[in-house]
Amino acid sequence: MNPRTSTERPKEVAMRTDEQWYPGHLRDLDDSECRELLTENRVGRVAWCENGIPAMVPVNYRFDGEYVVFRTSAHSLLARHFRDGPKAFQIDDHDDFQQSGWSVLVQGESEVLEWDELPDPADRPQPWIGGNRNVHIRISAEHISGRRVVPA
C-alpha cells in the first residue's frame, strides 16, 4: 500500500503525563531552599520597568532574611531611573554538562536606604567593581519562589 494514497490514518501514540521528552524535570524549591540560596550567593540581577520598558542589571548583593540589599553608583543606569516601588530580583546557576540548574525570584517593594538605615559595614554587599557605590537599595522579600531543573 502506498503511504501517500492510503486513507488509513497513522496510529496516535498516547503519552502519559508522567513521561518526559527531555532528560531532566522541573521542581519547585520550598521557601527554606530559596532563602538558603539567597544567603549563600552574592551576584544576582535586579529588574524594573521604566516607562513600560523592562531593564535588568547584575549587582552584588546581600540577603538578610527579609531584604535583598545592593549598592550602586549615583550615576548608574539603575540609580538614574530608580523609583521606589515594585521590583524583581533573581539569582540562578546552571550546569551545561548535566543540563541542570536552579533559579530564585524575589519580588517586593524597593527603596533607597538612608544612611541611618544601612546595615553594619560587615553586612553590606561588596561590589566587585571599583568606584563610589554609595547608593544602597533594598528590595523586600514579599514573594520568594524558586525552581530547580533536576538531571534525569
C-alpha atoms as a PDB file:
ATOM      1  CA  MET A   1       0.000   0.000   0.000  1.00  0.00           C
ATOM      2  CA  ASN A   2       1.370   3.400  -0.962  1.00  0.00           C
ATOM      3  CA  PRO A   3       1.599   5.646   2.112  1.00  0.00           C
ATOM      4  CA  ARG A   4       0.726   8.716   0.044  1.00  0.00           C
ATOM      5  CA  THR A   5      -2.531   7.290  -1.233  1.00  0.00           C
ATOM      6  CA  SER A   6      -3.617   5.465   1.879  1.00  0.00           C
ATOM      7  CA  THR A   7      -6.747   6.695   3.623  1.00  0.00           C
ATOM      8  CA  GLU A   8      -5.651   4.969   6.797  1.00  0.00           C
ATOM      9  CA  ARG A   9      -4.593   7.447   9.492  1.00  0.00           C
ATOM     10  CA  PRO A  10      -1.372   6.742  11.368  1.00  0.00           C
ATOM     11  CA  LYS A  11      -1.832   5.441  14.873  1.00  0.00           C
ATOM     12  CA  GLU A  12      -1.587   8.140  17.509  1.00  0.00           C
ATOM     13  CA  VAL A  13       0.714   7.321  20.353  1.00  0.00           C
ATOM     14  CA  ALA A  14      -0.773   8.301  23.682  1.00  0.00           C
ATOM     15  CA  MET A  15       1.690   9.998  26.006  1.00  0.00           C
ATOM     16  CA  ARG A  16       1.222   9.619  29.713  1.00  0.00           C
ATOM     17  CA  THR A  17       1.501  12.815  31.714  1.00  0.00           C
ATOM     18  CA  ASP A  18       4.464  11.480  33.694  1.00  0.00           C
ATOM     19  CA  GLU A  19       6.545  10.766  30.578  1.00  0.00           C
ATOM     20  CA  GLN A  20       9.367  13.169  29.829  1.00  0.00           C
ATOM     21  CA  TRP A  21      10.658  14.156  26.380  1.00  0.00           C
ATOM     22  CA  TYR A  22      13.737  15.773  27.914  1.00  0.00           C
ATOM     23  CA  PRO A  23      16.473  14.483  30.196  1.00  0.00           C
ATOM     24  CA  GLY A  24      15.516  16.204  33.445  1.00  0.00           C
ATOM     25  CA  HIS A  25      12.472  17.513  35.219  1.00  0.00           C
ATOM     26  CA  LEU A  26      11.456  20.705  36.966  1.00  0.00           C
ATOM     27  CA  ARG A  27      10.592  21.003  40.633  1.00  0.00           C
ATOM     28  CA  ASP A  28       9.657  23.940  42.816  1.00  0.00           C
ATOM     29  CA  LEU A  29      12.024  24.951  45.599  1.00  0.00           C
ATOM     30  CA  ASP A  30      10.490  25.459  49.025  1.00  0.00           C
ATOM     31  CA  ASP A  31      10.904  28.709  50.932  1.00  0.00           C
ATOM     32  CA  SER A  32      13.824  27.493  53.044  1.00  0.00           C
ATOM     33  CA  GLU A  33      15.765  26.296  49.966  1.00  0.00           C
ATOM     34  CA  CYS A  34      15.195  29.659  48.264  1.00  0.00           C
ATOM     35  CA  ARG A  35      16.353  31.585  51.334  1.00  0.00           C
ATOM     36  CA  GLU A  36      19.429  29.386  51.710  1.00  0.00           C
ATOM     37  CA  LEU A  37      20.436  30.012  48.087  1.00  0.00           C
ATOM     38  CA  LEU A  38      19.837  33.754  48.508  1.00  0.00           C
ATOM     39  CA  THR A  39      22.037  33.779  51.615  1.00  0.00           C
ATOM     40  CA  GLU A  40      24.867  31.723  50.073  1.00  0.00           C
ATOM     41  CA  ASN A  41      25.216  33.666  46.819  1.00  0.00           C
ATOM     42  CA  ARG A  42      26.467  37.183  46.110  1.00  0.00           C
ATOM     43  CA  VAL A  43      25.560  38.023  42.481  1.00  0.00           C
ATOM     44  CA  GLY A  44      22.094  38.492  41.039  1.00  0.00           C
ATOM     45  CA  ARG A  45      20.075  40.714  38.731  1.00  0.00           C
ATOM     46  CA  VAL A  46      17.652  43.457  39.635  1.00  0.00           C
ATOM     47  CA  ALA A  47      14.796  44.148  37.223  1.00  0.00           C
ATOM     48  CA  TRP A  48      12.466  47.105  36.879  1.00  0.00           C
ATOM     49  CA  CYS A  49      10.320  48.860  34.306  1.00  0.00           C
ATOM     50  CA  GLU A  50      10.781  52.454  33.271  1.00  0.00           C
ATOM     51  CA  ASN A  51       8.051  53.936  31.085  1.00  0.00           C
ATOM     52  CA  GLY A  52       6.901  50.432  30.169  1.00  0.00           C
ATOM     53  CA  ILE A  53      10.373  49.288  29.083  1.00  0.00           C
ATOM     54  CA  PRO A  54      11.903  46.450  31.137  1.00  0.00           C
ATOM     55  CA  ALA A  55      15.511  46.718  32.287  1.00  0.00           C
ATOM     56  CA  MET A  56      17.793  44.407  34.224  1.00  0.00           C
ATOM     57  CA  VAL A  57      21.346  44.739  35.534  1.00  0.00           C
ATOM     58  CA  PRO A  58      23.647  42.465  37.528  1.00  0.00           C
ATOM     59  CA  VAL A  59      24.570  43.514  41.058  1.00  0.00           C
ATOM     60  CA  ASN A  60      26.466  42.219  44.061  1.00  0.00           C
ATOM     61  CA  TYR A  61      24.038  41.802  46.947  1.00  0.00           C
ATOM     62  CA  ARG A  62      23.444  40.533  50.445  1.00  0.00           C
ATOM     63  CA  PHE A  63      20.292  38.867  51.738  1.00  0.00           C
ATOM     64  CA  ASP A  64      19.477  39.350  55.423  1.00  0.00           C
ATOM     65  CA  GLY A  65      16.388  37.146  55.543  1.00  0.00           C
ATOM     66  CA  GLU A  66      13.969  39.998  54.878  1.00  0.00           C
ATOM     67  CA  TYR A  67      15.641  42.180  52.254  1.00  0.00           C
ATOM     68  CA  VAL A  68      17.937  41.935  49.273  1.00  0.00           C
ATOM     69  CA  VAL A  69      20.381  44.848  49.631  1.00  0.00           C
ATOM     70  CA  PHE A  70      22.702  46.067  46.890  1.00  0.00           C
ATOM     71  CA  ARG A  71      24.803  49.132  46.124  1.00  0.00           C
ATOM     72  CA  THR A  72      25.143  51.209  43.026  1.00  0.00           C
ATOM     73  CA  SER A  73      26.727  54.414  41.846  1.00  0.00           C
ATOM     74  CA  ALA A  74      24.627  57.565  41.845  1.00  0.00           C
ATOM     75  CA  HIS A  75      25.477  57.853  38.138  1.00  0.00           C
ATOM     76  CA  SER A  76      24.485  54.308  37.170  1.00  0.00           C
ATOM     77  CA  LEU A  77      21.572  53.428  34.914  1.00  0.00           C
ATOM     78  CA  LEU A  78      19.784  51.918  37.891  1.00  0.00           C
ATOM     79  CA  ALA A  79      20.190  54.968  40.142  1.00  0.00           C
ATOM     80  CA  ARG A  80      19.261  57.427  37.377  1.00  0.00           C
ATOM     81  CA  HIS A  81      15.992  55.596  36.686  1.00  0.00           C
ATOM     82  CA  PHE A  82      15.255  54.265  40.140  1.00  0.00           C
ATOM     83  CA  ARG A  83      11.879  54.921  41.721  1.00  0.00           C
ATOM     84  CA  ASP A  84      10.629  53.395  44.957  1.00  0.00           C
ATOM     85  CA  GLY A  85       8.125  50.675  44.180  1.00  0.00           C
ATOM     86  CA  PRO A  86       7.839  47.109  42.923  1.00  0.00           C
ATOM     87  CA  LYS A  87      10.994  45.409  41.708  1.00  0.00           C
ATOM     88  CA  ALA A  88      12.166  41.899  40.950  1.00  0.00           C
ATOM     89  CA  PHE A  89      15.484  40.276  41.789  1.00  0.00           C
ATOM     90  CA  GLN A  90      16.783  36.949  40.518  1.00  0.00           C
ATOM     91  CA  ILE A  91      19.713  34.637  41.147  1.00  0.00           C
ATOM     92  CA  ASP A  92      20.468  31.418  39.317  1.00  0.00           C
ATOM     93  CA  ASP A  93      23.061  28.834  38.445  1.00  0.00           C
ATOM     94  CA  HIS A  94      23.308  26.094  35.849  1.00  0.00           C
ATOM     95  CA  ASP A  95      25.430  23.171  34.725  1.00  0.00           C
ATOM     96  CA  ASP A  96      25.521  22.801  30.934  1.00  0.00           C
ATOM     97  CA  PHE A  97      27.028  19.317  31.057  1.00  0.00           C
ATOM     98  CA  GLN A  98      24.349  17.859  33.344  1.00  0.00           C
ATOM     99  CA  GLN A  99      21.603  20.086  31.910  1.00  0.00           C
ATOM    100  CA  SER A 100      20.587  21.129  35.393  1.00  0.00           C
ATOM    101  CA  GLY A 101      20.240  24.343  37.328  1.00  0.00           C
ATOM    102  CA  TRP A 102      18.106  26.466  39.587  1.00  0.00           C
ATOM    103  CA  SER A 103      16.711  29.977  39.886  1.00  0.00           C
ATOM    104  CA  VAL A 104      15.230  32.030  42.710  1.00  0.00           C
ATOM    105  CA  LEU A 105      12.986  35.047  42.175  1.00  0.00           C
ATOM    106  CA  VAL A 106      12.316  37.741  44.789  1.00  0.00           C
ATOM    107  CA  GLN A 107       9.506  40.224  44.262  1.00  0.00           C
ATOM    108  CA  GLY A 108       8.744  43.144  46.524  1.00  0.00           C
ATOM    109  CA  GLU A 109       8.841  46.836  47.190  1.00  0.00           C
ATOM    110  CA  SER A 110      12.129  48.658  46.857  1.00  0.00           C
ATOM    111  CA  GLU A 111      13.535  51.785  48.409  1.00  0.00           C
ATOM    112  CA  VAL A 112      16.751  53.727  48.679  1.00  0.00           C
ATOM    113  CA  LEU A 113      18.223  53.412  52.172  1.00  0.00           C
ATOM    114  CA  GLU A 114      19.082  56.447  54.251  1.00  0.00           C
ATOM    115  CA  TRP A 115      22.476  56.475  55.997  1.00  0.00           C
ATOM    116  CA  ASP A 116      20.943  55.613  59.370  1.00  0.00           C
ATOM    117  CA  GLU A 117      19.235  52.535  57.835  1.00  0.00           C
ATOM    118  CA  LEU A 118      22.395  50.986  56.389  1.00  0.00           C
ATOM    119  CA  PRO A 119      23.476  47.553  57.628  1.00  0.00           C
ATOM    120  CA  ASP A 120      26.689  47.246  59.604  1.00  0.00           C
ATOM    121  CA  PRO A 121      29.708  47.574  57.296  1.00  0.00           C
ATOM    122  CA  ALA A 122      30.462  43.831  57.575  1.00  0.00           C
ATOM    123  CA  ASP A 123      26.929  43.025  56.372  1.00  0.00           C
ATOM    124  CA  ARG A 124      26.925  45.352  53.362  1.00  0.00           C
ATOM    125  CA  PRO A 125      27.298  43.965  49.855  1.00  0.00           C
ATOM    126  CA  GLN A 126      30.800  44.302  48.436  1.00  0.00           C
ATOM    127  CA  PRO A 127      30.778  45.358  44.777  1.00  0.00           C
ATOM    128  CA  TRP A 128      33.268  43.641  42.509  1.00  0.00           C
ATOM    129  CA  ILE A 129      33.930  46.806  40.549  1.00  0.00           C
ATOM    130  CA  GLY A 130      35.590  49.936  41.822  1.00  0.00           C
ATOM    131  CA  GLY A 131      34.200  53.389  42.157  1.00  0.00           C
ATOM    132  CA  ASN A 132      31.945  55.142  44.583  1.00  0.00           C
ATOM    133  CA  ARG A 133      28.903  52.915  45.135  1.00  0.00           C
ATOM    134  CA  ASN A 134      27.206  54.760  47.946  1.00  0.00           C
ATOM    135  CA  VAL A 135      23.555  54.384  46.895  1.00  0.00           C
ATOM    136  CA  HIS A 136      22.156  51.446  48.897  1.00  0.00           C
ATOM    137  CA  ILE A 137      18.867  49.950  47.711  1.00  0.00           C
ATOM    138  CA  ARG A 138      16.815  47.213  49.292  1.00  0.00           C
ATOM    139  CA  ILE A 139      14.005  45.045  47.978  1.00  0.00           C
ATOM    140  CA  SER A 140      11.640  43.445  50.469  1.00  0.00           C
ATOM    141  CA  ALA A 141      11.303  39.687  50.080  1.00  0.00           C
ATOM    142  CA  GLU A 142       7.495  39.747  49.938  1.00  0.00           C
ATOM    143  CA  HIS A 143       7.307  36.901  47.419  1.00  0.00           C
ATOM    144  CA  ILE A 144      10.061  34.319  47.014  1.00  0.00           C
ATOM    145  CA  SER A 145       9.837  31.448  44.567  1.00  0.00           C
ATOM    146  CA  GLY A 146      12.336  29.090  43.033  1.00  0.00           C
ATOM    147  CA  ARG A 147      12.698  26.216  40.632  1.00  0.00           C
ATOM    148  CA  ARG A 148      15.290  23.550  40.027  1.00  0.00           C
ATOM    149  CA  VAL A 149      15.913  21.545  36.863  1.00  0.00           C
ATOM    150  CA  VAL A 150      16.981  18.134  38.112  1.00  0.00           C
ATOM    151  CA  PRO A 151      19.011  15.910  35.769  1.00  0.00           C
ATOM    152  CA  ALA A 152      17.495  12.602  34.766  1.00  0.00           C
END
